[in-house]
Amino acid sequence: MMVSEDVIAIVRLLERAHCPVWIDGGWGVDALLRRQTRPHADLDLALALADVPAAQDVLSSELGYGITRDEMPTRLELRDSQDHCIDLHPLVFDEQGNGRQQLQDGRWGLYPSSGLAGSGSIGGQNVRCLSPDLQLRFHVGYEPDDDDRHDMELLCRHFGLEPPSEYRRLQ
């Protein structure tokens, strides 16, 4: 499991290496909620595609992370000897600060600059994360699991967002 101290150590290490990141996924939701709401098996991070080699190098040399799944340019999964998992989501940025992630099928996922303007807190430390709206958008189009349902229920309730149909409980 990835605990809050691990997350902060990883984010700070990458910042010192001049690799800014945005926390995505379950930890991103918890950052927005400013509290940990469940255990997390991994840490999802969005970052510039150009920063991936430096991030990979510092995570390897400083924390012992190695590549376990290379699906570049879409994603790069890293693990350490304690089975902590980091899932890097590389983005190509335009002049307006919008990020695009090349998907496996050749399409592009859009991270609008407004969606990258999110901020939150993990373990009392301020962090960059995806906005509530972008988190919600990235949690549709597939069959959600229990963690997804948990995250979206809390996110929608906290920010007054309408849950997508995939997340509405059957009455």
N, C-alpha and C. Protein backbone atom coordinates (compact mmCIF):
# COMPACT_ATOMS: atom_id res chain seq x y z
N MET A 1 0.84 -1.19 0.00
CA MET A 1 0.00 0.00 0.00
C MET A 1 0.88 1.25 0.00
N MET A 2 0.35 2.27 -0.63
CA MET A 2 1.04 3.55 -0.70
C MET A 2 0.43 4.45 0.38
N VAL A 3 1.23 4.86 1.36
CA VAL A 3 0.73 5.71 2.44
C VAL A 3 1.08 7.17 2.17
N SER A 4 0.46 8.07 2.91
CA SER A 4 0.61 9.51 2.65
C SER A 4 2.07 9.95 2.73
N GLU A 5 2.83 9.39 3.66
CA GLU A 5 4.25 9.77 3.77
C GLU A 5 5.01 9.39 2.50
N ASP A 6 4.67 8.24 1.91
CA ASP A 6 5.29 7.84 0.64
C ASP A 6 4.96 8.84 -0.46
N VAL A 7 3.69 9.21 -0.53
CA VAL A 7 3.24 10.14 -1.57
C VAL A 7 4.00 11.46 -1.47
N ILE A 8 4.05 12.02 -0.28
CA ILE A 8 4.74 13.31 -0.10
C ILE A 8 6.22 13.18 -0.42
N ALA A 9 6.86 12.11 0.01
CA ALA A 9 8.28 11.92 -0.28
C ALA A 9 8.52 11.86 -1.79
N ILE A 10 7.67 11.14 -2.51
CA ILE A 10 7.82 11.01 -3.96
C ILE A 10 7.60 12.35 -4.65
N VAL A 11 6.53 13.05 -4.28
CA VAL A 11 6.23 14.34 -4.91
C VAL A 11 7.35 15.34 -4.65
N ARG A 12 7.83 15.42 -3.42
CA ARG A 12 8.90 16.37 -3.09
C ARG A 12 10.20 16.01 -3.82
N LEU A 13 10.50 14.72 -3.90
CA LEU A 13 11.70 14.28 -4.62
C LEU A 13 11.62 14.71 -6.09
N LEU A 14 10.48 14.51 -6.72
CA LEU A 14 10.31 14.89 -8.12
C LEU A 14 10.37 16.40 -8.29
N GLU A 15 9.81 17.14 -7.35
CA GLU A 15 9.88 18.61 -7.43
C GLU A 15 11.33 19.08 -7.34
N ARG A 16 12.11 18.49 -6.42
CA ARG A 16 13.53 18.86 -6.31
C ARG A 16 14.29 18.54 -7.59
N ALA A 17 13.83 17.53 -8.33
CA ALA A 17 14.46 17.16 -9.60
C ALA A 17 13.88 17.96 -10.77
N HIS A 18 13.08 18.99 -10.47
CA HIS A 18 12.45 19.86 -11.48
C HIS A 18 11.51 19.10 -12.39
N CYS A 19 10.76 18.16 -11.79
CA CYS A 19 9.75 17.38 -12.50
C CYS A 19 8.40 17.60 -11.80
N PRO A 20 7.73 18.71 -12.12
CA PRO A 20 6.43 18.95 -11.47
C PRO A 20 5.43 17.86 -11.85
N VAL A 21 4.61 17.48 -10.89
CA VAL A 21 3.61 16.45 -11.10
C VAL A 21 2.25 16.90 -10.57
N TRP A 22 1.21 16.28 -11.12
CA TRP A 22 -0.17 16.47 -10.66
C TRP A 22 -0.66 15.11 -10.19
N ILE A 23 -1.20 15.07 -8.98
CA ILE A 23 -1.69 13.81 -8.45
C ILE A 23 -3.05 13.51 -9.05
N ASP A 24 -3.19 12.29 -9.52
CA ASP A 24 -4.35 11.82 -10.25
C ASP A 24 -4.93 10.63 -9.48
N GLY A 25 -6.00 10.06 -9.96
CA GLY A 25 -6.55 8.83 -9.40
C GLY A 25 -7.04 8.99 -7.97
N GLY A 26 -6.99 7.90 -7.21
CA GLY A 26 -7.50 7.88 -5.85
C GLY A 26 -6.83 8.85 -4.91
N TRP A 27 -5.50 8.93 -4.98
CA TRP A 27 -4.81 9.91 -4.15
C TRP A 27 -5.17 11.33 -4.55
N GLY A 28 -5.44 11.55 -5.85
CA GLY A 28 -5.87 12.87 -6.30
C GLY A 28 -7.20 13.26 -5.70
N VAL A 29 -8.12 12.31 -5.62
CA VAL A 29 -9.42 12.57 -4.98
C VAL A 29 -9.21 12.88 -3.51
N ASP A 30 -8.41 12.07 -2.83
CA ASP A 30 -8.16 12.32 -1.41
C ASP A 30 -7.47 13.66 -1.19
N ALA A 31 -6.58 14.05 -2.10
CA ALA A 31 -5.94 15.37 -1.98
C ALA A 31 -7.00 16.47 -2.04
N LEU A 32 -7.92 16.35 -2.98
CA LEU A 32 -8.99 17.34 -3.09
C LEU A 32 -9.86 17.38 -1.83
N LEU A 33 -10.08 16.21 -1.24
CA LEU A 33 -10.89 16.13 -0.03
C LEU A 33 -10.09 16.50 1.22
N ARG A 34 -8.76 16.62 1.05
CA ARG A 34 -7.84 17.03 2.09
C ARG A 34 -7.74 16.03 3.24
N ARG A 35 -8.03 14.74 2.92
CA ARG A 35 -7.91 13.67 3.91
C ARG A 35 -7.87 12.33 3.19
N GLN A 36 -7.20 11.38 3.78
CA GLN A 36 -7.18 10.04 3.20
C GLN A 36 -8.48 9.34 3.57
N THR A 37 -9.17 8.81 2.57
CA THR A 37 -10.48 8.19 2.80
C THR A 37 -10.46 6.67 2.66
N ARG A 38 -9.36 6.12 2.11
CA ARG A 38 -9.27 4.67 1.91
C ARG A 38 -7.81 4.32 1.65
N PRO A 39 -7.46 3.02 1.74
CA PRO A 39 -6.10 2.60 1.37
C PRO A 39 -5.90 2.71 -0.14
N HIS A 40 -4.67 2.97 -0.55
CA HIS A 40 -4.34 3.12 -1.97
C HIS A 40 -3.23 2.15 -2.36
N ALA A 41 -3.46 1.39 -3.41
CA ALA A 41 -2.47 0.43 -3.88
C ALA A 41 -1.38 1.09 -4.72
N ASP A 42 -1.66 2.28 -5.28
CA ASP A 42 -0.68 2.92 -6.13
C ASP A 42 -0.81 4.43 -6.05
N LEU A 43 0.06 5.11 -6.78
CA LEU A 43 0.06 6.56 -6.89
C LEU A 43 0.08 6.90 -8.37
N ASP A 44 -0.95 7.60 -8.85
CA ASP A 44 -1.02 8.03 -10.24
C ASP A 44 -0.53 9.47 -10.32
N LEU A 45 0.41 9.72 -11.22
CA LEU A 45 0.98 11.05 -11.38
C LEU A 45 0.99 11.45 -12.85
N ALA A 46 0.46 12.63 -13.14
CA ALA A 46 0.59 13.22 -14.47
C ALA A 46 1.82 14.12 -14.45
N LEU A 47 2.59 14.09 -15.54
CA LEU A 47 3.78 14.90 -15.65
C LEU A 47 4.11 15.10 -17.12
N ALA A 48 4.98 16.03 -17.40
CA ALA A 48 5.38 16.30 -18.79
C ALA A 48 6.13 15.10 -19.36
N LEU A 49 5.81 14.73 -20.58
CA LEU A 49 6.50 13.63 -21.26
C LEU A 49 8.01 13.87 -21.25
N ALA A 50 8.43 15.10 -21.44
CA ALA A 50 9.86 15.41 -21.45
C ALA A 50 10.53 15.16 -20.10
N ASP A 51 9.75 15.14 -19.01
CA ASP A 51 10.30 14.92 -17.68
C ASP A 51 10.36 13.45 -17.28
N VAL A 52 9.78 12.56 -18.08
CA VAL A 52 9.74 11.14 -17.70
C VAL A 52 11.13 10.56 -17.48
N PRO A 53 12.11 10.77 -18.37
CA PRO A 53 13.44 10.18 -18.11
C PRO A 53 14.06 10.66 -16.80
N ALA A 54 13.96 11.95 -16.51
CA ALA A 54 14.53 12.47 -15.25
C ALA A 54 13.77 11.91 -14.05
N ALA A 55 12.45 11.84 -14.15
CA ALA A 55 11.65 11.29 -13.05
C ALA A 55 12.00 9.83 -12.83
N GLN A 56 12.09 9.07 -13.90
CA GLN A 56 12.44 7.66 -13.80
C GLN A 56 13.82 7.50 -13.16
N ASP A 57 14.76 8.32 -13.57
CA ASP A 57 16.13 8.24 -13.05
C ASP A 57 16.17 8.54 -11.55
N VAL A 58 15.53 9.61 -11.11
CA VAL A 58 15.58 9.98 -9.69
C VAL A 58 14.81 8.99 -8.84
N LEU A 59 13.68 8.48 -9.33
CA LEU A 59 12.92 7.48 -8.57
C LEU A 59 13.70 6.17 -8.45
N SER A 60 14.47 5.85 -9.48
CA SER A 60 15.30 4.64 -9.46
C SER A 60 16.48 4.82 -8.50
N SER A 61 17.23 5.89 -8.69
CA SER A 61 18.46 6.07 -7.91
C SER A 61 18.19 6.40 -6.44
N GLU A 62 17.15 7.16 -6.16
CA GLU A 62 16.89 7.58 -4.78
C GLU A 62 15.98 6.63 -4.01
N LEU A 63 15.02 6.00 -4.69
CA LEU A 63 14.03 5.19 -3.98
C LEU A 63 13.95 3.74 -4.47
N GLY A 64 14.75 3.38 -5.46
CA GLY A 64 14.81 1.99 -5.91
C GLY A 64 13.65 1.54 -6.79
N TYR A 65 12.98 2.46 -7.46
CA TYR A 65 11.87 2.09 -8.35
C TYR A 65 12.41 1.62 -9.69
N GLY A 66 11.81 0.55 -10.21
CA GLY A 66 12.16 0.05 -11.53
C GLY A 66 10.91 -0.11 -12.38
N ILE A 67 11.10 -0.18 -13.68
CA ILE A 67 9.98 -0.30 -14.62
C ILE A 67 9.37 -1.70 -14.51
N THR A 68 8.05 -1.75 -14.35
CA THR A 68 7.34 -3.03 -14.36
C THR A 68 6.39 -3.13 -15.54
N ARG A 69 5.97 -2.00 -16.10
CA ARG A 69 5.13 -2.02 -17.29
C ARG A 69 5.42 -0.75 -18.08
N ASP A 70 5.93 -0.95 -19.30
CA ASP A 70 6.26 0.18 -20.17
C ASP A 70 5.25 0.22 -21.30
N GLU A 71 4.33 1.15 -21.24
CA GLU A 71 3.34 1.38 -22.29
C GLU A 71 3.49 2.80 -22.82
N MET A 72 4.75 3.24 -22.89
CA MET A 72 5.02 4.59 -23.37
C MET A 72 4.59 4.72 -24.82
N PRO A 73 4.08 5.87 -25.22
CA PRO A 73 4.06 7.12 -24.46
C PRO A 73 2.80 7.31 -23.60
N THR A 74 1.99 6.26 -23.45
CA THR A 74 0.75 6.38 -22.68
C THR A 74 0.99 6.38 -21.18
N ARG A 75 1.76 5.42 -20.70
CA ARG A 75 1.99 5.31 -19.27
C ARG A 75 3.25 4.49 -19.00
N LEU A 76 3.78 4.70 -17.79
CA LEU A 76 4.94 3.95 -17.34
C LEU A 76 4.70 3.58 -15.88
N GLU A 77 4.70 2.27 -15.60
CA GLU A 77 4.47 1.80 -14.24
C GLU A 77 5.80 1.42 -13.60
N LEU A 78 6.03 1.92 -12.40
CA LEU A 78 7.25 1.67 -11.65
C LEU A 78 6.91 1.03 -10.31
N ARG A 79 7.78 0.14 -9.82
CA ARG A 79 7.60 -0.49 -8.50
C ARG A 79 8.93 -0.53 -7.78
N ASP A 80 8.83 -0.51 -6.45
CA ASP A 80 10.03 -0.68 -5.64
C ASP A 80 10.03 -2.07 -5.00
N SER A 81 11.02 -2.37 -4.18
CA SER A 81 11.16 -3.69 -3.58
C SER A 81 10.06 -4.00 -2.57
N GLN A 82 9.35 -2.97 -2.09
CA GLN A 82 8.24 -3.18 -1.16
C GLN A 82 6.90 -3.22 -1.88
N ASP A 83 6.94 -3.30 -3.21
CA ASP A 83 5.77 -3.37 -4.06
C ASP A 83 4.94 -2.10 -4.08
N HIS A 84 5.55 -0.96 -3.73
CA HIS A 84 4.89 0.33 -3.93
C HIS A 84 4.86 0.59 -5.43
N CYS A 85 3.74 1.09 -5.93
CA CYS A 85 3.56 1.28 -7.37
C CYS A 85 3.28 2.75 -7.69
N ILE A 86 3.99 3.25 -8.70
CA ILE A 86 3.76 4.60 -9.24
C ILE A 86 3.39 4.42 -10.70
N ASP A 87 2.30 5.05 -11.11
CA ASP A 87 1.85 4.99 -12.50
C ASP A 87 1.99 6.40 -13.08
N LEU A 88 2.98 6.57 -13.96
CA LEU A 88 3.23 7.87 -14.58
C LEU A 88 2.37 8.03 -15.83
N HIS A 89 1.73 9.19 -15.95
CA HIS A 89 0.88 9.52 -17.09
C HIS A 89 1.52 10.70 -17.81
N PRO A 90 2.31 10.45 -18.87
CA PRO A 90 3.02 11.52 -19.56
C PRO A 90 2.10 12.41 -20.39
N LEU A 91 2.35 13.71 -20.32
CA LEU A 91 1.55 14.70 -21.05
C LEU A 91 2.45 15.54 -21.94
N VAL A 92 1.91 15.90 -23.10
CA VAL A 92 2.55 16.87 -23.99
C VAL A 92 1.74 18.15 -23.84
N PHE A 93 2.44 19.26 -23.52
CA PHE A 93 1.75 20.52 -23.24
C PHE A 93 1.78 21.45 -24.44
N ASP A 94 0.68 22.21 -24.61
CA ASP A 94 0.65 23.25 -25.63
C ASP A 94 0.94 24.61 -24.98
N GLU A 95 0.91 25.68 -25.79
CA GLU A 95 1.25 27.01 -25.28
C GLU A 95 0.26 27.53 -24.25
N GLN A 96 -0.96 27.00 -24.24
CA GLN A 96 -1.98 27.44 -23.28
C GLN A 96 -1.92 26.62 -21.98
N GLY A 97 -1.02 25.67 -21.88
CA GLY A 97 -0.90 24.87 -20.67
C GLY A 97 -1.82 23.66 -20.63
N ASN A 98 -2.46 23.35 -21.76
CA ASN A 98 -3.27 22.14 -21.85
C ASN A 98 -2.34 20.95 -22.07
N GLY A 99 -2.62 19.85 -21.38
CA GLY A 99 -1.84 18.65 -21.56
C GLY A 99 -2.61 17.63 -22.38
N ARG A 100 -1.87 16.87 -23.19
CA ARG A 100 -2.49 15.78 -23.96
C ARG A 100 -1.69 14.51 -23.68
N GLN A 101 -2.45 13.43 -23.44
CA GLN A 101 -1.83 12.12 -23.21
C GLN A 101 -2.16 11.22 -24.39
N GLN A 102 -1.13 10.71 -25.06
CA GLN A 102 -1.37 9.79 -26.16
C GLN A 102 -1.86 8.46 -25.61
N LEU A 103 -3.02 8.01 -26.07
CA LEU A 103 -3.60 6.77 -25.61
C LEU A 103 -3.12 5.61 -26.47
N GLN A 104 -3.31 4.40 -25.97
CA GLN A 104 -2.81 3.22 -26.68
C GLN A 104 -3.43 3.05 -28.06
N ASP A 105 -4.66 3.52 -28.23
CA ASP A 105 -5.33 3.36 -29.53
C ASP A 105 -5.02 4.50 -30.50
N GLY A 106 -4.09 5.38 -30.12
CA GLY A 106 -3.69 6.48 -30.98
C GLY A 106 -4.45 7.78 -30.75
N ARG A 107 -5.56 7.70 -30.03
CA ARG A 107 -6.30 8.92 -29.69
C ARG A 107 -5.53 9.68 -28.61
N TRP A 108 -6.01 10.88 -28.30
CA TRP A 108 -5.37 11.71 -27.28
C TRP A 108 -6.36 12.02 -26.17
N GLY A 109 -5.94 11.84 -24.93
CA GLY A 109 -6.71 12.27 -23.77
C GLY A 109 -6.32 13.70 -23.43
N LEU A 110 -7.31 14.53 -23.16
CA LEU A 110 -7.06 15.95 -22.90
C LEU A 110 -7.09 16.26 -21.41
N TYR A 111 -6.07 16.93 -20.95
CA TYR A 111 -5.98 17.48 -19.60
C TYR A 111 -6.00 19.00 -19.77
N PRO A 112 -7.18 19.62 -19.79
CA PRO A 112 -7.22 21.08 -19.99
C PRO A 112 -6.50 21.80 -18.85
N SER A 113 -5.95 22.95 -19.16
CA SER A 113 -5.20 23.70 -18.14
C SER A 113 -6.06 23.95 -16.91
N SER A 114 -7.35 24.18 -17.10
CA SER A 114 -8.24 24.39 -15.94
C SER A 114 -8.31 23.14 -15.07
N GLY A 115 -8.21 21.96 -15.68
CA GLY A 115 -8.23 20.71 -14.93
C GLY A 115 -6.93 20.44 -14.20
N LEU A 116 -5.85 21.10 -14.64
CA LEU A 116 -4.56 20.96 -13.98
C LEU A 116 -4.34 22.03 -12.92
N ALA A 117 -5.37 22.83 -12.67
CA ALA A 117 -5.28 23.92 -11.69
C ALA A 117 -5.75 23.48 -10.31
N GLY A 118 -6.02 22.19 -10.14
CA GLY A 118 -6.47 21.70 -8.85
C GLY A 118 -5.37 21.76 -7.81
N SER A 119 -5.78 21.91 -6.58
CA SER A 119 -4.83 21.86 -5.46
C SER A 119 -5.51 21.17 -4.30
N GLY A 120 -4.70 20.53 -3.50
CA GLY A 120 -5.23 19.82 -2.36
C GLY A 120 -4.17 19.65 -1.31
N SER A 121 -4.41 18.70 -0.44
CA SER A 121 -3.49 18.47 0.67
C SER A 121 -3.43 16.97 0.97
N ILE A 122 -2.22 16.49 1.20
CA ILE A 122 -2.00 15.12 1.64
C ILE A 122 -1.06 15.19 2.83
N GLY A 123 -1.50 14.60 3.93
CA GLY A 123 -0.67 14.62 5.13
C GLY A 123 -0.31 16.01 5.57
N GLY A 124 -1.22 16.97 5.35
CA GLY A 124 -0.98 18.35 5.73
C GLY A 124 -0.08 19.13 4.78
N GLN A 125 0.35 18.51 3.68
CA GLN A 125 1.21 19.16 2.70
C GLN A 125 0.40 19.54 1.46
N ASN A 126 0.55 20.77 1.00
CA ASN A 126 -0.15 21.20 -0.21
C ASN A 126 0.46 20.53 -1.43
N VAL A 127 -0.42 20.08 -2.33
CA VAL A 127 0.01 19.39 -3.55
C VAL A 127 -0.83 19.85 -4.74
N ARG A 128 -0.24 19.70 -5.93
CA ARG A 128 -0.98 19.91 -7.18
C ARG A 128 -1.73 18.63 -7.50
N CYS A 129 -2.96 18.77 -7.97
CA CYS A 129 -3.74 17.60 -8.35
C CYS A 129 -4.73 18.01 -9.43
N LEU A 130 -5.40 17.02 -10.00
CA LEU A 130 -6.43 17.32 -10.98
C LEU A 130 -7.61 17.98 -10.28
N SER A 131 -8.33 18.82 -11.01
CA SER A 131 -9.51 19.48 -10.46
C SER A 131 -10.63 18.46 -10.24
N PRO A 132 -11.61 18.81 -9.41
CA PRO A 132 -12.75 17.90 -9.22
C PRO A 132 -13.44 17.54 -10.54
N ASP A 133 -13.65 18.53 -11.41
CA ASP A 133 -14.33 18.26 -12.68
C ASP A 133 -13.54 17.29 -13.56
N LEU A 134 -12.21 17.46 -13.61
CA LEU A 134 -11.40 16.56 -14.43
C LEU A 134 -11.35 15.16 -13.82
N GLN A 135 -11.27 15.08 -12.51
CA GLN A 135 -11.33 13.77 -11.85
C GLN A 135 -12.62 13.05 -12.24
N LEU A 136 -13.73 13.78 -12.18
CA LEU A 136 -15.03 13.20 -12.52
C LEU A 136 -15.04 12.73 -13.98
N ARG A 137 -14.54 13.57 -14.87
CA ARG A 137 -14.52 13.21 -16.29
C ARG A 137 -13.68 11.97 -16.57
N PHE A 138 -12.58 11.81 -15.85
CA PHE A 138 -11.71 10.66 -16.07
C PHE A 138 -12.24 9.37 -15.42
N HIS A 139 -13.33 9.47 -14.69
CA HIS A 139 -13.91 8.28 -14.04
C HIS A 139 -15.18 7.80 -14.75
N VAL A 140 -15.34 8.15 -16.01
CA VAL A 140 -16.50 7.68 -16.77
C VAL A 140 -16.01 6.92 -18.01
N GLY A 141 -16.93 6.15 -18.59
CA GLY A 141 -16.61 5.44 -19.82
C GLY A 141 -16.10 4.03 -19.61
N TYR A 142 -16.15 3.56 -18.39
CA TYR A 142 -15.74 2.19 -18.08
C TYR A 142 -16.56 1.72 -16.88
N GLU A 143 -16.52 0.43 -16.62
CA GLU A 143 -17.25 -0.11 -15.47
C GLU A 143 -16.48 0.19 -14.19
N PRO A 144 -17.02 1.04 -13.31
CA PRO A 144 -16.29 1.41 -12.10
C PRO A 144 -16.22 0.25 -11.10
N ASP A 145 -15.10 0.22 -10.36
CA ASP A 145 -14.99 -0.77 -9.29
C ASP A 145 -15.39 -0.11 -7.96
N ASP A 146 -15.27 -0.84 -6.87
CA ASP A 146 -15.70 -0.31 -5.57
C ASP A 146 -14.92 0.93 -5.17
N ASP A 147 -13.61 0.97 -5.46
CA ASP A 147 -12.81 2.16 -5.13
C ASP A 147 -13.28 3.37 -5.94
N ASP A 148 -13.55 3.16 -7.23
CA ASP A 148 -14.05 4.25 -8.07
C ASP A 148 -15.36 4.78 -7.52
N ARG A 149 -16.27 3.89 -7.16
CA ARG A 149 -17.58 4.30 -6.62
C ARG A 149 -17.40 5.09 -5.32
N HIS A 150 -16.53 4.61 -4.46
CA HIS A 150 -16.25 5.29 -3.20
C HIS A 150 -15.73 6.70 -3.47
N ASP A 151 -14.70 6.79 -4.34
CA ASP A 151 -14.08 8.08 -4.65
C ASP A 151 -15.07 9.07 -5.24
N MET A 152 -15.86 8.62 -6.22
CA MET A 152 -16.78 9.53 -6.89
C MET A 152 -17.94 9.94 -5.98
N GLU A 153 -18.39 9.05 -5.14
CA GLU A 153 -19.45 9.42 -4.20
C GLU A 153 -18.99 10.54 -3.28
N LEU A 154 -17.79 10.40 -2.71
CA LEU A 154 -17.27 11.44 -1.82
C LEU A 154 -16.97 12.73 -2.57
N LEU A 155 -16.37 12.61 -3.76
CA LEU A 155 -16.02 13.79 -4.55
C LEU A 155 -17.28 14.58 -4.91
N CYS A 156 -18.30 13.88 -5.42
CA CYS A 156 -19.53 14.56 -5.84
C CYS A 156 -20.23 15.19 -4.64
N ARG A 157 -20.29 14.48 -3.54
CA ARG A 157 -20.95 15.03 -2.36
C ARG A 157 -20.21 16.27 -1.85
N HIS A 158 -18.89 16.19 -1.78
CA HIS A 158 -18.09 17.29 -1.23
C HIS A 158 -18.16 18.55 -2.11
N PHE A 159 -18.13 18.36 -3.43
CA PHE A 159 -18.08 19.51 -4.34
C PHE A 159 -19.42 19.82 -4.98
N GLY A 160 -20.48 19.12 -4.59
CA GLY A 160 -21.81 19.40 -5.13
C GLY A 160 -21.92 19.07 -6.61
N LEU A 161 -21.23 18.04 -7.06
CA LEU A 161 -21.26 17.64 -8.46
C LEU A 161 -22.32 16.56 -8.67
N GLU A 162 -22.85 16.52 -9.88
CA GLU A 162 -23.83 15.49 -10.24
C GLU A 162 -23.08 14.21 -10.61
N PRO A 163 -23.37 13.11 -9.92
CA PRO A 163 -22.68 11.86 -10.27
C PRO A 163 -23.08 11.38 -11.66
N PRO A 164 -22.12 10.89 -12.45
CA PRO A 164 -22.46 10.29 -13.75
C PRO A 164 -23.34 9.06 -13.54
N SER A 165 -24.02 8.67 -14.60
CA SER A 165 -24.97 7.55 -14.49
C SER A 165 -24.30 6.28 -13.99
N GLU A 166 -23.02 6.05 -14.35
CA GLU A 166 -22.31 4.85 -13.90
C GLU A 166 -22.20 4.76 -12.39
N TYR A 167 -22.36 5.90 -11.72
CA TYR A 167 -22.14 5.97 -10.27
C TYR A 167 -23.42 6.17 -9.47
N ARG A 168 -24.53 6.29 -10.13
CA ARG A 168 -25.78 6.45 -9.39
C ARG A 168 -26.21 5.10 -8.85
N ARG A 169 -26.48 5.07 -7.59
CA ARG A 169 -26.90 3.81 -6.93
C ARG A 169 -28.29 3.44 -7.38
N LEU A 170 -28.48 2.14 -7.59
CA LEU A 170 -29.81 1.65 -7.91
C LEU A 170 -30.66 1.71 -6.64
N GLN A 171 -31.83 2.24 -6.77
CA GLN A 171 -32.73 2.37 -5.61
C GLN A 171 -33.48 1.11 -5.34
